Amino acid sequence: MVKLTRIYTRTGDDGRTGLGDGSRADKHGARVTACGSVDEANSVLGVARLYTDGNIDAMLARIQNDLFDLGADLCTPEVDDPPCTPLRIVESQIRWLEDAIDELNADLPTLRSFVLPGGTPLGAHLHHARTVVRRAERDISALAAREKVNPLTLQYMNRLSDYLFVAARAANGAAGGDVLWEPGKNR
């Protein structure tokens, strides 16, 4: 477990930070950027949770914990024969997201247009979270183009953005429905 007795360490003052395996990396590097984007996505979900309760709140709480797992996965470079078993995202976490998507989507009407981000405060925050998750996914993809990463991290983030889209639709459905794009409306 993590034990933090002092928050500032001064070890990052030189523009480098510690990774999960004890190595050091540039704070502007692809791995740290990906970890930071995942952290930002988690923070945005924390704001969204201020506007929900019940089942969606419980799902978001679970997702926030999974995002910490994902961050731990990303901050520990993959190496052959590691000295200890690193925490990695696993397929069951992705399957859980898929089941959650199917459960929420079952009661939603079929889409006939693209959805504009917005609607209820919860819907808007979930759409915002979705876009931050998509950026994190791009950052992980950029990292994976340079270094070995667990491919399940990309799958998880891809499913998470789908989940957040459906959750935003569900939140807006309770208040009258999605805000739909009307192509060429203002020409």
Protein backbone atom coordinates (compact mmCIF):
# COMPACT_ATOMS: atom_id res chain seq x y z
CA MET A 1 0.00 0.00 0.00
CA VAL A 2 0.95 3.60 -0.41
CA LYS A 3 2.06 5.53 2.65
CA LEU A 4 2.55 9.27 2.23
CA THR A 5 3.96 11.07 5.22
CA ARG A 6 5.22 14.12 3.37
CA ILE A 7 3.66 15.51 0.20
CA TYR A 8 6.54 17.53 -1.19
CA THR A 9 9.78 15.70 -1.88
CA ARG A 10 11.64 18.15 -4.14
CA THR A 11 12.69 15.18 -6.29
CA GLY A 12 10.69 16.54 -9.23
CA ASP A 13 12.20 20.00 -9.16
CA ASP A 14 14.50 19.12 -12.06
CA GLY A 15 11.63 18.33 -14.46
CA ARG A 16 11.79 14.58 -13.91
CA THR A 17 9.52 12.30 -11.93
CA GLY A 18 9.60 8.81 -10.49
CA LEU A 19 7.84 5.92 -12.23
CA GLY A 20 6.29 2.87 -10.60
CA ASP A 21 9.41 0.79 -11.11
CA GLY A 22 11.65 3.39 -9.45
CA SER A 23 13.11 4.74 -12.70
CA ARG A 24 12.99 8.44 -13.56
CA ALA A 25 11.31 10.05 -16.58
CA ASP A 26 10.94 13.52 -18.02
CA LYS A 27 7.69 15.15 -16.94
CA HIS A 28 7.08 16.16 -20.56
CA GLY A 29 7.66 12.60 -21.84
CA ALA A 30 5.00 10.44 -23.45
CA ARG A 31 4.56 8.11 -20.45
CA VAL A 32 4.10 10.92 -17.93
CA THR A 33 1.81 12.78 -20.35
CA ALA A 34 -0.39 9.69 -20.69
CA CYS A 35 -0.49 9.23 -16.91
CA GLY A 36 -1.38 12.90 -16.44
CA SER A 37 -4.24 12.68 -18.94
CA VAL A 38 -5.65 9.64 -17.15
CA ASP A 39 -5.40 11.56 -13.86
CA GLU A 40 -7.22 14.50 -15.42
CA ALA A 41 -9.98 12.20 -16.69
CA ASN A 42 -10.36 10.83 -13.18
CA SER A 43 -10.63 14.35 -11.76
CA VAL A 44 -13.31 15.32 -14.28
CA LEU A 45 -15.28 12.22 -13.27
CA GLY A 46 -15.02 13.38 -9.66
CA VAL A 47 -16.73 16.63 -10.67
CA ALA A 48 -19.42 14.72 -12.59
CA ARG A 49 -20.14 12.66 -9.48
CA LEU A 50 -21.23 15.83 -7.68
CA TYR A 51 -24.35 15.72 -9.88
CA THR A 52 -25.33 12.09 -9.52
CA ASP A 53 -26.22 9.38 -7.06
CA GLY A 54 -27.44 5.81 -7.14
CA ASN A 55 -26.36 3.40 -9.86
CA ILE A 56 -24.45 5.82 -12.10
CA ASP A 57 -22.58 7.23 -9.10
CA ALA A 58 -21.62 3.70 -8.02
CA MET A 59 -20.44 2.94 -11.55
CA LEU A 60 -18.40 6.15 -11.70
CA ALA A 61 -16.83 5.35 -8.31
CA ARG A 62 -15.76 1.96 -9.64
CA ILE A 63 -14.41 3.58 -12.82
CA GLN A 64 -12.41 6.10 -10.79
CA ASN A 65 -10.75 3.23 -8.93
CA ASP A 66 -10.08 1.42 -12.23
CA LEU A 67 -8.48 4.60 -13.59
CA PHE A 68 -6.03 4.51 -10.68
CA ASP A 69 -5.26 0.91 -11.65
CA LEU A 70 -4.76 2.08 -15.23
CA GLY A 71 -2.45 4.88 -14.09
CA ALA A 72 -0.44 2.36 -12.06
CA ASP A 73 -0.24 0.18 -15.16
CA LEU A 74 1.01 3.04 -17.32
CA CYS A 75 3.53 4.36 -14.79
CA THR A 76 5.21 0.97 -14.53
CA PRO A 77 7.06 0.25 -17.77
CA GLU A 78 6.63 -3.26 -19.14
CA VAL A 79 9.83 -5.29 -18.89
CA ASP A 80 10.65 -8.96 -19.22
CA ASP A 81 10.88 -10.73 -15.88
CA PRO A 82 9.97 -7.80 -13.55
CA PRO A 83 11.23 -8.01 -9.96
CA CYS A 84 7.62 -7.89 -8.70
CA THR A 85 4.25 -8.31 -10.37
CA PRO A 86 2.98 -4.91 -11.52
CA LEU A 87 -0.68 -3.92 -11.36
CA ARG A 88 -2.15 -4.22 -14.87
CA ILE A 89 -5.57 -3.62 -16.39
CA VAL A 90 -7.26 -6.98 -17.08
CA GLU A 91 -9.98 -8.11 -19.46
CA SER A 92 -12.61 -8.44 -16.72
CA GLN A 93 -12.42 -4.66 -16.16
CA ILE A 94 -13.19 -4.10 -19.85
CA ARG A 95 -16.00 -6.68 -19.84
CA TRP A 96 -17.54 -4.92 -16.84
CA LEU A 97 -17.58 -1.66 -18.80
CA GLU A 98 -19.17 -3.39 -21.79
CA ASP A 99 -21.89 -4.84 -19.55
CA ALA A 100 -22.47 -1.41 -17.99
CA ILE A 101 -22.79 0.15 -21.46
CA ASP A 102 -25.31 -2.49 -22.55
CA GLU A 103 -27.32 -2.03 -19.35
CA LEU A 104 -27.56 1.76 -19.74
CA ASN A 105 -28.10 1.66 -23.50
CA ALA A 106 -30.98 -0.85 -23.32
CA ASP A 107 -33.51 1.83 -22.32
CA LEU A 108 -32.28 4.62 -24.61
CA PRO A 109 -33.98 5.52 -27.88
CA THR A 110 -32.14 4.86 -31.14
CA LEU A 111 -30.05 7.83 -32.22
CA ARG A 112 -31.13 9.60 -35.41
CA SER A 113 -28.47 12.34 -35.28
CA PHE A 114 -25.18 13.16 -33.61
CA VAL A 115 -25.46 14.38 -30.02
CA LEU A 116 -24.24 17.82 -28.98
CA PRO A 117 -22.40 17.86 -25.65
CA GLY A 118 -24.68 19.40 -23.06
CA GLY A 119 -28.13 18.85 -21.64
CA THR A 120 -28.30 18.46 -17.90
CA PRO A 121 -25.37 19.43 -15.66
CA LEU A 122 -24.58 15.73 -15.21
CA GLY A 123 -24.87 15.08 -18.94
CA ALA A 124 -22.58 18.01 -19.75
CA HIS A 125 -19.96 16.87 -17.22
CA LEU A 126 -20.09 13.31 -18.56
CA HIS A 127 -19.59 14.60 -22.11
CA HIS A 128 -16.64 16.67 -20.86
CA ALA A 129 -15.22 13.58 -19.17
CA ARG A 130 -15.68 11.65 -22.42
CA THR A 131 -13.56 14.15 -24.34
CA VAL A 132 -10.82 14.09 -21.69
CA VAL A 133 -10.85 10.28 -21.81
CA ARG A 134 -10.50 10.42 -25.61
CA ARG A 135 -7.46 12.68 -25.22
CA ALA A 136 -5.98 10.30 -22.67
CA GLU A 137 -6.58 7.48 -25.13
CA ARG A 138 -4.67 9.42 -27.80
CA ASP A 139 -1.83 10.04 -25.35
CA ILE A 140 -1.66 6.33 -24.48
CA SER A 141 -1.68 5.50 -28.20
CA ALA A 142 1.24 7.91 -28.74
CA LEU A 143 3.11 6.22 -25.88
CA ALA A 144 2.36 2.77 -27.33
CA ALA A 145 3.87 3.89 -30.65
CA ARG A 146 7.18 4.49 -28.81
CA GLU A 147 7.25 2.01 -25.95
CA LYS A 148 5.65 -1.26 -24.95
CA VAL A 149 2.38 -0.77 -23.02
CA ASN A 150 -0.38 -3.09 -21.94
CA PRO A 151 -2.80 -3.05 -24.92
CA LEU A 152 -5.72 -3.43 -22.52
CA THR A 153 -5.13 0.15 -21.34
CA LEU A 154 -6.17 1.40 -24.78
CA GLN A 155 -9.16 -0.94 -24.88
CA TYR A 156 -10.27 0.19 -21.43
CA MET A 157 -10.10 3.87 -22.38
CA ASN A 158 -11.94 3.23 -25.64
CA ARG A 159 -14.78 1.47 -23.78
CA LEU A 160 -14.77 4.14 -21.09
CA SER A 161 -15.43 6.89 -23.63
CA ASP A 162 -18.32 4.80 -24.99
CA TYR A 163 -19.65 4.29 -21.47
CA LEU A 164 -19.50 8.03 -20.74
CA PHE A 165 -21.36 8.81 -23.97
CA VAL A 166 -24.14 6.39 -23.05
CA ALA A 167 -24.19 7.60 -19.42
CA ALA A 168 -24.56 11.21 -20.65
CA ARG A 169 -27.45 10.11 -22.87
CA ALA A 170 -29.06 8.36 -19.90
CA ALA A 171 -28.63 11.45 -17.70
CA ASN A 172 -30.16 13.66 -20.38
CA GLY A 173 -32.93 11.16 -21.11
CA ALA A 174 -34.24 11.55 -17.59
CA ALA A 175 -34.61 15.29 -18.32
CA GLY A 176 -36.19 15.19 -21.77
CA GLY A 177 -33.56 13.74 -24.04
CA ASP A 178 -30.37 14.44 -25.91
CA VAL A 179 -29.40 17.75 -27.49
CA LEU A 180 -29.19 16.76 -31.15
CA TRP A 181 -27.13 18.24 -33.95
CA GLU A 182 -29.19 19.79 -36.71
CA PRO A 183 -26.91 19.85 -39.79
CA GLY A 184 -26.89 23.22 -41.57
CA LYS A 185 -29.42 24.74 -39.17
CA ASN A 186 -27.77 28.16 -39.08
CA ARG A 187 -26.79 28.65 -42.73
